[in-house]
Amino acid sequence: MQLAVNHLSHFLLTNLLMPKILAAEHPRVVNLSSYGHRMSAFRFDDPLWSGGATYDRLYAYAQRKLPTYSFHVATKLARHIDSEGWKTRLKYFSKHSITRPERKFPEQGAGAPLRALLDPSLVTEAGVYLTDTELTTNAEVIKPYATVPEDAERLWRFSEEVVGQSFTY
């Protein structure tokens, strides 16, 4: 269930909406996630926890956040889109920690999503990661295993297989 809620639903909805998104004057794709993706690499050997592994809710949560990161940043979602008009390709991940919740007022929490949606300086960026309102490539935030292009493509194919659709634009 967690994989469906935390990744596959985003993957499917984004891809089903892509023709409309690409038709927009200034298309953007923005998703929110968490630092949870930093806890571990994706379990390709048993992604649905059906192999009898002892279920750990935090580990499972991390397993569900990494695909959302890989979907947009590691695959550079734009690589799956063959469109000259696709100028704005953007990915945003919200900053919140599983072990040390960083509490914010709604107005503060809205800063990064609003920047991701509205900041014209991000127009040429593809597959970016914002923490709070700042772009980052910091390895403490973005773990190396989260950016392996081959794993991201493998995850893309796995996601297509699970949702029962292939997406090309």
N, C-alpha and C. Protein backbone atom coordinates (compact mmCIF):
# COMPACT_ATOMS: atom_id res chain seq x y z
N MET A 1 0.82 -1.19 0.00
CA MET A 1 0.00 0.00 0.00
C MET A 1 0.86 1.26 0.00
N GLN A 2 1.96 1.26 0.79
CA GLN A 2 2.79 2.45 0.85
C GLN A 2 3.38 2.81 -0.50
N LEU A 3 3.81 1.83 -1.25
CA LEU A 3 4.38 2.11 -2.57
C LEU A 3 3.33 2.76 -3.47
N ALA A 4 2.11 2.29 -3.39
CA ALA A 4 1.03 2.85 -4.22
C ALA A 4 0.75 4.30 -3.83
N VAL A 5 0.68 4.58 -2.54
CA VAL A 5 0.35 5.92 -2.07
C VAL A 5 1.51 6.89 -2.26
N ASN A 6 2.71 6.46 -1.92
CA ASN A 6 3.85 7.38 -1.90
C ASN A 6 4.62 7.49 -3.20
N HIS A 7 4.40 6.59 -4.13
CA HIS A 7 5.12 6.70 -5.41
C HIS A 7 4.24 6.44 -6.63
N LEU A 8 3.65 5.27 -6.69
CA LEU A 8 2.93 4.89 -7.92
C LEU A 8 1.80 5.85 -8.26
N SER A 9 1.11 6.36 -7.25
CA SER A 9 0.04 7.32 -7.52
C SER A 9 0.60 8.59 -8.16
N HIS A 10 1.74 9.07 -7.66
CA HIS A 10 2.38 10.26 -8.24
C HIS A 10 2.86 9.97 -9.66
N PHE A 11 3.48 8.83 -9.82
CA PHE A 11 4.00 8.42 -11.13
C PHE A 11 2.87 8.35 -12.16
N LEU A 12 1.80 7.67 -11.80
CA LEU A 12 0.68 7.50 -12.73
C LEU A 12 -0.02 8.82 -13.02
N LEU A 13 -0.35 9.57 -11.98
CA LEU A 13 -1.06 10.84 -12.19
C LEU A 13 -0.23 11.80 -13.04
N THR A 14 1.05 11.94 -12.71
CA THR A 14 1.91 12.84 -13.49
C THR A 14 1.95 12.43 -14.95
N ASN A 15 2.11 11.15 -15.21
CA ASN A 15 2.18 10.69 -16.59
C ASN A 15 0.85 10.79 -17.32
N LEU A 16 -0.25 10.56 -16.63
CA LEU A 16 -1.56 10.71 -17.27
C LEU A 16 -1.86 12.17 -17.59
N LEU A 17 -1.35 13.07 -16.76
CA LEU A 17 -1.56 14.51 -16.99
C LEU A 17 -0.55 15.12 -17.95
N MET A 18 0.52 14.40 -18.27
CA MET A 18 1.62 14.96 -19.04
C MET A 18 1.20 15.62 -20.35
N PRO A 19 0.29 15.05 -21.14
CA PRO A 19 -0.11 15.76 -22.36
C PRO A 19 -0.67 17.16 -22.07
N LYS A 20 -1.45 17.29 -21.01
CA LYS A 20 -1.99 18.61 -20.63
C LYS A 20 -0.88 19.50 -20.08
N ILE A 21 0.01 18.92 -19.29
CA ILE A 21 1.12 19.69 -18.74
C ILE A 21 1.98 20.24 -19.87
N LEU A 22 2.29 19.41 -20.84
CA LEU A 22 3.14 19.84 -21.96
C LEU A 22 2.48 20.88 -22.83
N ALA A 23 1.15 20.92 -22.81
CA ALA A 23 0.42 21.90 -23.62
C ALA A 23 0.41 23.28 -22.95
N ALA A 24 0.78 23.36 -21.69
CA ALA A 24 0.78 24.63 -20.97
C ALA A 24 1.90 25.53 -21.48
N GLU A 25 1.70 26.84 -21.33
CA GLU A 25 2.72 27.79 -21.76
C GLU A 25 4.01 27.64 -20.96
N HIS A 26 3.88 27.44 -19.67
CA HIS A 26 5.03 27.28 -18.78
C HIS A 26 4.84 26.03 -17.93
N PRO A 27 5.07 24.85 -18.50
CA PRO A 27 4.79 23.61 -17.76
C PRO A 27 5.79 23.36 -16.63
N ARG A 28 5.27 22.86 -15.53
CA ARG A 28 6.10 22.47 -14.39
C ARG A 28 5.50 21.25 -13.74
N VAL A 29 6.36 20.41 -13.23
CA VAL A 29 5.94 19.27 -12.43
C VAL A 29 6.57 19.46 -11.06
N VAL A 30 5.74 19.52 -10.04
CA VAL A 30 6.22 19.74 -8.68
C VAL A 30 5.62 18.67 -7.78
N ASN A 31 6.45 17.95 -7.07
CA ASN A 31 6.00 16.98 -6.08
C ASN A 31 6.69 17.25 -4.76
N LEU A 32 6.03 16.90 -3.68
CA LEU A 32 6.59 17.05 -2.35
C LEU A 32 6.94 15.68 -1.81
N SER A 33 8.05 15.60 -1.12
CA SER A 33 8.45 14.34 -0.51
C SER A 33 9.12 14.64 0.82
N SER A 34 10.05 13.81 1.23
CA SER A 34 10.72 14.03 2.51
C SER A 34 12.16 13.54 2.44
N TYR A 35 12.88 13.82 3.51
CA TYR A 35 14.24 13.32 3.62
C TYR A 35 14.26 11.80 3.81
N GLY A 36 13.11 11.20 3.93
CA GLY A 36 13.04 9.76 4.14
C GLY A 36 13.80 8.95 3.11
N HIS A 37 13.92 9.49 1.91
CA HIS A 37 14.62 8.75 0.84
C HIS A 37 16.08 8.48 1.18
N ARG A 38 16.62 9.19 2.16
CA ARG A 38 18.03 9.05 2.50
C ARG A 38 18.35 7.81 3.32
N MET A 39 17.32 7.11 3.80
CA MET A 39 17.55 6.00 4.72
C MET A 39 18.10 4.75 4.06
N SER A 40 17.77 4.52 2.80
CA SER A 40 18.28 3.30 2.15
C SER A 40 18.03 3.34 0.65
N ALA A 41 18.77 2.50 -0.05
CA ALA A 41 18.54 2.34 -1.48
C ALA A 41 17.25 1.55 -1.70
N PHE A 42 16.73 1.57 -2.92
CA PHE A 42 15.48 0.88 -3.23
C PHE A 42 15.70 -0.63 -3.27
N ARG A 43 14.75 -1.37 -2.75
CA ARG A 43 14.83 -2.84 -2.69
C ARG A 43 14.30 -3.43 -3.99
N PHE A 44 15.11 -3.47 -5.01
CA PHE A 44 14.66 -4.05 -6.28
C PHE A 44 14.37 -5.55 -6.14
N ASP A 45 15.05 -6.21 -5.21
CA ASP A 45 14.85 -7.65 -5.05
C ASP A 45 13.50 -7.99 -4.42
N ASP A 46 12.90 -7.06 -3.69
CA ASP A 46 11.59 -7.31 -3.05
C ASP A 46 10.88 -5.98 -2.80
N PRO A 47 10.53 -5.25 -3.85
CA PRO A 47 9.97 -3.91 -3.68
C PRO A 47 8.62 -3.87 -2.97
N LEU A 48 7.87 -4.95 -3.00
CA LEU A 48 6.55 -4.97 -2.38
C LEU A 48 6.55 -5.67 -1.02
N TRP A 49 7.72 -5.97 -0.49
CA TRP A 49 7.87 -6.62 0.81
C TRP A 49 7.11 -7.94 0.84
N SER A 50 7.15 -8.68 -0.24
CA SER A 50 6.41 -9.94 -0.31
C SER A 50 7.32 -11.15 -0.10
N GLY A 51 8.60 -10.94 0.06
CA GLY A 51 9.54 -12.04 0.18
C GLY A 51 9.75 -12.52 1.60
N GLY A 52 8.87 -12.15 2.51
CA GLY A 52 8.98 -12.62 3.88
C GLY A 52 9.90 -11.79 4.75
N ALA A 53 10.40 -10.69 4.24
CA ALA A 53 11.28 -9.83 5.03
C ALA A 53 10.50 -9.23 6.20
N THR A 54 11.17 -9.07 7.31
CA THR A 54 10.53 -8.44 8.46
C THR A 54 10.20 -7.00 8.09
N TYR A 55 8.95 -6.66 8.23
CA TYR A 55 8.48 -5.33 7.86
C TYR A 55 8.91 -4.32 8.91
N ASP A 56 9.49 -3.22 8.46
CA ASP A 56 9.88 -2.12 9.32
C ASP A 56 9.25 -0.87 8.73
N ARG A 57 8.36 -0.23 9.48
CA ARG A 57 7.58 0.87 8.90
C ARG A 57 8.45 2.05 8.45
N LEU A 58 9.50 2.39 9.19
CA LEU A 58 10.35 3.50 8.77
C LEU A 58 11.18 3.14 7.55
N TYR A 59 11.69 1.93 7.53
CA TYR A 59 12.45 1.46 6.37
C TYR A 59 11.54 1.40 5.15
N ALA A 60 10.32 0.90 5.35
CA ALA A 60 9.35 0.84 4.25
C ALA A 60 9.00 2.25 3.77
N TYR A 61 8.86 3.19 4.69
CA TYR A 61 8.58 4.57 4.32
C TYR A 61 9.70 5.12 3.44
N ALA A 62 10.94 4.88 3.86
CA ALA A 62 12.09 5.33 3.07
C ALA A 62 12.06 4.71 1.68
N GLN A 63 11.71 3.44 1.61
CA GLN A 63 11.63 2.74 0.33
C GLN A 63 10.58 3.37 -0.58
N ARG A 64 9.62 4.04 -0.03
CA ARG A 64 8.55 4.64 -0.82
C ARG A 64 8.84 6.09 -1.20
N LYS A 65 9.75 6.71 -0.51
CA LYS A 65 10.12 8.09 -0.82
C LYS A 65 11.24 8.16 -1.86
N LEU A 66 12.13 7.20 -1.84
CA LEU A 66 13.22 7.18 -2.83
C LEU A 66 12.69 7.12 -4.26
N PRO A 67 11.67 6.31 -4.57
CA PRO A 67 11.17 6.29 -5.95
C PRO A 67 10.65 7.64 -6.43
N THR A 68 10.02 8.40 -5.53
CA THR A 68 9.53 9.71 -5.93
C THR A 68 10.69 10.62 -6.29
N TYR A 69 11.78 10.54 -5.52
CA TYR A 69 12.98 11.30 -5.84
C TYR A 69 13.54 10.86 -7.19
N SER A 70 13.72 9.56 -7.34
CA SER A 70 14.31 9.03 -8.58
C SER A 70 13.47 9.36 -9.80
N PHE A 71 12.16 9.32 -9.63
CA PHE A 71 11.23 9.59 -10.73
C PHE A 71 11.52 10.93 -11.37
N HIS A 72 11.78 11.94 -10.58
CA HIS A 72 11.95 13.28 -11.11
C HIS A 72 13.39 13.72 -11.24
N VAL A 73 14.18 13.46 -10.25
CA VAL A 73 15.54 13.99 -10.24
C VAL A 73 16.53 13.05 -10.90
N ALA A 74 16.58 11.81 -10.48
CA ALA A 74 17.57 10.88 -11.02
C ALA A 74 17.29 10.51 -12.46
N THR A 75 16.01 10.36 -12.84
CA THR A 75 15.72 10.03 -14.23
C THR A 75 15.71 11.28 -15.08
N LYS A 76 15.73 12.44 -14.43
CA LYS A 76 15.52 13.68 -15.16
C LYS A 76 14.27 13.46 -16.00
N LEU A 77 13.14 13.46 -15.34
CA LEU A 77 11.84 13.21 -15.97
C LEU A 77 11.83 13.71 -17.40
N ALA A 78 12.55 14.80 -17.64
CA ALA A 78 12.59 15.38 -18.98
C ALA A 78 13.15 14.43 -20.02
N ARG A 79 14.01 13.48 -19.63
CA ARG A 79 14.55 12.54 -20.61
C ARG A 79 13.46 11.67 -21.22
N HIS A 80 12.37 11.52 -20.50
CA HIS A 80 11.27 10.69 -20.99
C HIS A 80 10.31 11.50 -21.85
N ILE A 81 10.61 12.77 -22.02
CA ILE A 81 9.72 13.66 -22.76
C ILE A 81 10.45 14.18 -23.98
N ASP A 82 9.94 13.88 -25.13
CA ASP A 82 10.52 14.32 -26.39
C ASP A 82 9.70 15.50 -26.90
N SER A 83 9.98 16.67 -26.35
CA SER A 83 9.19 17.84 -26.71
C SER A 83 10.04 19.09 -26.67
N GLU A 84 10.13 19.78 -27.77
CA GLU A 84 10.88 21.03 -27.82
C GLU A 84 10.26 22.09 -26.93
N GLY A 85 8.95 22.01 -26.72
CA GLY A 85 8.25 23.02 -25.93
C GLY A 85 8.38 22.83 -24.43
N TRP A 86 8.97 21.75 -24.01
CA TRP A 86 9.08 21.47 -22.58
C TRP A 86 10.29 22.23 -22.04
N LYS A 87 10.07 23.45 -21.60
CA LYS A 87 11.17 24.30 -21.15
C LYS A 87 11.38 24.25 -19.64
N THR A 88 10.31 24.08 -18.90
CA THR A 88 10.43 24.11 -17.45
C THR A 88 10.20 22.73 -16.90
N ARG A 89 11.26 22.13 -16.42
CA ARG A 89 11.16 20.81 -15.82
C ARG A 89 11.68 20.93 -14.39
N LEU A 90 10.80 20.71 -13.44
CA LEU A 90 11.15 21.04 -12.07
C LEU A 90 10.71 19.97 -11.11
N LYS A 91 11.54 19.69 -10.16
CA LYS A 91 11.18 18.77 -9.08
C LYS A 91 11.51 19.44 -7.77
N TYR A 92 10.56 19.36 -6.85
CA TYR A 92 10.78 19.92 -5.52
C TYR A 92 10.52 18.86 -4.47
N PHE A 93 11.40 18.77 -3.51
CA PHE A 93 11.18 17.90 -2.37
C PHE A 93 11.20 18.75 -1.12
N SER A 94 10.20 18.59 -0.27
CA SER A 94 10.14 19.36 0.97
C SER A 94 11.12 18.81 1.98
N LYS A 95 11.56 19.65 2.85
CA LYS A 95 12.51 19.24 3.87
C LYS A 95 11.75 18.90 5.14
N HIS A 96 11.75 17.65 5.52
CA HIS A 96 11.34 17.27 6.87
C HIS A 96 11.99 15.95 7.23
N SER A 97 12.42 15.86 8.46
CA SER A 97 13.17 14.69 8.90
C SER A 97 12.26 13.71 9.63
N ILE A 98 12.54 12.44 9.47
CA ILE A 98 11.77 11.42 10.17
C ILE A 98 12.12 11.43 11.66
N THR A 99 13.38 11.62 11.97
CA THR A 99 13.81 11.50 13.36
C THR A 99 13.79 12.82 14.11
N ARG A 100 13.89 13.92 13.43
CA ARG A 100 13.86 15.22 14.08
C ARG A 100 12.89 16.12 13.33
N PRO A 101 11.61 16.03 13.64
CA PRO A 101 10.65 16.85 12.90
C PRO A 101 10.98 18.33 13.02
N GLU A 102 11.02 18.99 11.92
CA GLU A 102 11.25 20.43 11.89
C GLU A 102 9.89 21.08 11.70
N ARG A 103 9.38 21.62 12.76
CA ARG A 103 8.03 22.18 12.72
C ARG A 103 8.06 23.58 12.12
N LYS A 104 7.06 23.84 11.32
CA LYS A 104 6.95 25.14 10.68
C LYS A 104 5.50 25.57 10.68
N PHE A 105 5.31 26.86 10.66
CA PHE A 105 3.97 27.38 10.46
C PHE A 105 3.61 27.15 9.00
N PRO A 106 2.33 27.05 8.68
CA PRO A 106 1.94 26.81 7.28
C PRO A 106 2.56 27.81 6.30
N GLU A 107 2.65 29.07 6.72
CA GLU A 107 3.23 30.08 5.83
C GLU A 107 4.69 29.77 5.52
N GLN A 108 5.42 29.25 6.50
CA GLN A 108 6.82 28.88 6.28
C GLN A 108 6.92 27.64 5.40
N GLY A 109 6.09 26.66 5.67
CA GLY A 109 6.11 25.42 4.90
C GLY A 109 5.73 25.62 3.46
N ALA A 110 4.97 26.66 3.18
CA ALA A 110 4.53 26.92 1.81
C ALA A 110 5.61 27.57 0.95
N GLY A 111 6.68 28.05 1.57
CA GLY A 111 7.71 28.77 0.83
C GLY A 111 8.33 28.00 -0.32
N ALA A 112 8.81 26.80 -0.04
CA ALA A 112 9.48 26.02 -1.09
C ALA A 112 8.53 25.59 -2.20
N PRO A 113 7.34 25.07 -1.87
CA PRO A 113 6.42 24.71 -2.98
C PRO A 113 6.06 25.92 -3.83
N LEU A 114 5.87 27.07 -3.20
CA LEU A 114 5.55 28.27 -3.98
C LEU A 114 6.72 28.68 -4.86
N ARG A 115 7.94 28.59 -4.34
CA ARG A 115 9.10 28.91 -5.18
C ARG A 115 9.18 27.94 -6.35
N ALA A 116 8.98 26.65 -6.07
CA ALA A 116 9.02 25.64 -7.13
C ALA A 116 7.99 25.92 -8.21
N LEU A 117 6.84 26.37 -7.81
CA LEU A 117 5.76 26.64 -8.76
C LEU A 117 5.92 27.96 -9.51
N LEU A 118 6.47 28.98 -8.85
CA LEU A 118 6.37 30.33 -9.39
C LEU A 118 7.69 31.03 -9.73
N ASP A 119 8.81 30.59 -9.22
CA ASP A 119 10.07 31.31 -9.40
C ASP A 119 10.56 31.21 -10.84
N PRO A 120 10.59 32.34 -11.58
CA PRO A 120 11.03 32.31 -12.97
C PRO A 120 12.52 31.97 -13.13
N SER A 121 13.32 32.13 -12.07
CA SER A 121 14.75 31.79 -12.19
C SER A 121 14.97 30.29 -12.30
N LEU A 122 13.96 29.49 -12.00
CA LEU A 122 14.08 28.03 -12.10
C LEU A 122 13.59 27.51 -13.44
N VAL A 123 13.24 28.38 -14.34
CA VAL A 123 12.63 27.98 -15.62
C VAL A 123 13.50 27.02 -16.41
N THR A 124 14.81 27.18 -16.39
CA THR A 124 15.67 26.33 -17.22
C THR A 124 16.18 25.10 -16.47
N GLU A 125 15.85 24.98 -15.21
CA GLU A 125 16.33 23.84 -14.42
C GLU A 125 15.52 22.59 -14.72
N ALA A 126 16.18 21.46 -14.72
CA ALA A 126 15.50 20.18 -14.93
C ALA A 126 15.88 19.24 -13.80
N GLY A 127 14.89 18.70 -13.12
CA GLY A 127 15.15 17.74 -12.07
C GLY A 127 15.92 18.32 -10.90
N VAL A 128 15.41 19.37 -10.29
CA VAL A 128 16.10 20.00 -9.18
C VAL A 128 15.48 19.58 -7.85
N TYR A 129 16.25 19.77 -6.79
CA TYR A 129 15.85 19.42 -5.43
C TYR A 129 15.96 20.67 -4.59
N LEU A 130 14.87 21.07 -3.99
CA LEU A 130 14.87 22.20 -3.08
C LEU A 130 14.72 21.70 -1.66
N THR A 131 15.52 22.25 -0.77
CA THR A 131 15.34 21.99 0.65
C THR A 131 15.07 23.34 1.28
N ASP A 132 13.97 23.44 1.96
CA ASP A 132 13.37 24.71 2.33
C ASP A 132 13.16 25.45 1.01
N THR A 133 13.81 26.57 0.79
CA THR A 133 13.61 27.27 -0.48
C THR A 133 14.87 27.31 -1.33
N GLU A 134 15.88 26.54 -0.96
CA GLU A 134 17.17 26.60 -1.65
C GLU A 134 17.43 25.34 -2.48
N LEU A 135 18.03 25.54 -3.66
CA LEU A 135 18.49 24.42 -4.48
C LEU A 135 19.64 23.74 -3.75
N THR A 136 19.72 22.43 -3.84
CA THR A 136 20.83 21.73 -3.22
C THR A 136 21.28 20.55 -4.05
N THR A 137 22.58 20.28 -3.98
CA THR A 137 23.16 19.05 -4.53
C THR A 137 23.98 18.37 -3.43
N ASN A 138 23.83 18.83 -2.20
CA ASN A 138 24.56 18.35 -1.04
C ASN A 138 24.39 16.84 -0.87
N ALA A 139 25.50 16.11 -0.80
CA ALA A 139 25.45 14.65 -0.67
C ALA A 139 24.88 14.20 0.67
N GLU A 140 24.87 15.08 1.66
CA GLU A 140 24.21 14.73 2.93
C GLU A 140 22.70 14.75 2.77
N VAL A 141 22.21 15.51 1.83
CA VAL A 141 20.77 15.58 1.57
C VAL A 141 20.39 14.57 0.49
N ILE A 142 21.16 14.54 -0.57
CA ILE A 142 20.88 13.65 -1.70
C ILE A 142 21.94 12.55 -1.70
N LYS A 143 21.56 11.38 -1.26
CA LYS A 143 22.51 10.26 -1.16
C LYS A 143 22.92 9.78 -2.56
N PRO A 144 24.18 9.37 -2.74
CA PRO A 144 24.66 8.93 -4.05
C PRO A 144 23.81 7.82 -4.68
N TYR A 145 23.33 6.88 -3.88
CA TYR A 145 22.53 5.79 -4.45
C TYR A 145 21.20 6.28 -5.02
N ALA A 146 20.79 7.47 -4.65
CA ALA A 146 19.53 8.02 -5.15
C ALA A 146 19.68 8.63 -6.54
N THR A 147 20.91 8.75 -7.02
CA THR A 147 21.12 9.43 -8.30
C THR A 147 21.74 8.54 -9.37
N VAL A 148 21.69 7.25 -9.19
CA VAL A 148 22.24 6.32 -10.18
C VAL A 148 21.26 6.23 -11.35
N PRO A 149 21.62 6.74 -12.53
CA PRO A 149 20.68 6.77 -13.66
C PRO A 149 20.13 5.40 -14.04
N GLU A 150 20.97 4.37 -13.97
CA GLU A 150 20.50 3.02 -14.34
C GLU A 150 19.42 2.53 -13.37
N ASP A 151 19.60 2.80 -12.09
CA ASP A 151 18.59 2.41 -11.10
C ASP A 151 17.31 3.21 -11.30
N ALA A 152 17.46 4.50 -11.62
CA ALA A 152 16.28 5.33 -11.85
C ALA A 152 15.49 4.83 -13.05
N GLU A 153 16.19 4.46 -14.11
CA GLU A 153 15.51 3.92 -15.30
C GLU A 153 14.86 2.57 -14.99
N ARG A 154 15.54 1.76 -14.20
CA ARG A 154 14.98 0.47 -13.79
C ARG A 154 13.70 0.69 -12.98
N LEU A 155 13.73 1.68 -12.10
CA LEU A 155 12.56 2.01 -11.31
C LEU A 155 11.43 2.54 -12.19
N TRP A 156 11.79 3.34 -13.22
CA TRP A 156 10.78 3.84 -14.17
C TRP A 156 10.08 2.65 -14.84
N ARG A 157 10.86 1.71 -15.33
CA ARG A 157 10.28 0.53 -16.00
C ARG A 157 9.44 -0.31 -15.04
N PHE A 158 9.93 -0.49 -13.81
CA PHE A 158 9.17 -1.21 -12.79
C PHE A 158 7.83 -0.52 -12.54
N SER A 159 7.86 0.80 -12.42
CA SER A 159 6.63 1.57 -12.16
C SER A 159 5.65 1.44 -13.32
N GLU A 160 6.16 1.51 -14.55
CA GLU A 160 5.29 1.31 -15.71
C GLU A 160 4.65 -0.07 -15.68
N GLU A 161 5.43 -1.07 -15.34
CA GLU A 161 4.92 -2.44 -15.29
C GLU A 161 3.82 -2.58 -14.24
N VAL A 162 4.05 -2.01 -13.06
CA VAL A 162 3.08 -2.14 -11.97
C VAL A 162 1.78 -1.40 -12.29
N VAL A 163 1.87 -0.20 -12.90
CA VAL A 163 0.64 0.53 -13.23
C VAL A 163 0.02 0.05 -14.53
N GLY A 164 0.74 -0.78 -15.26
CA GLY A 164 0.19 -1.38 -16.48
C GLY A 164 0.14 -0.46 -17.68
N GLN A 165 1.02 0.55 -17.70
CA GLN A 165 1.05 1.49 -18.82
C GLN A 165 2.49 1.89 -19.10
N SER A 166 2.77 2.17 -20.38
CA SER A 166 4.05 2.73 -20.78
C SER A 166 3.82 4.17 -21.18
N PHE A 167 4.79 5.00 -20.86
CA PHE A 167 4.63 6.42 -21.14
C PHE A 167 5.77 6.92 -22.03
N THR A 168 5.42 7.46 -23.18
CA THR A 168 6.37 8.13 -24.07
C THR A 168 5.70 9.39 -24.58
N TYR A 169 6.46 10.44 -24.70
CA TYR A 169 5.90 11.72 -25.14
C TYR A 169 6.72 12.29 -26.26
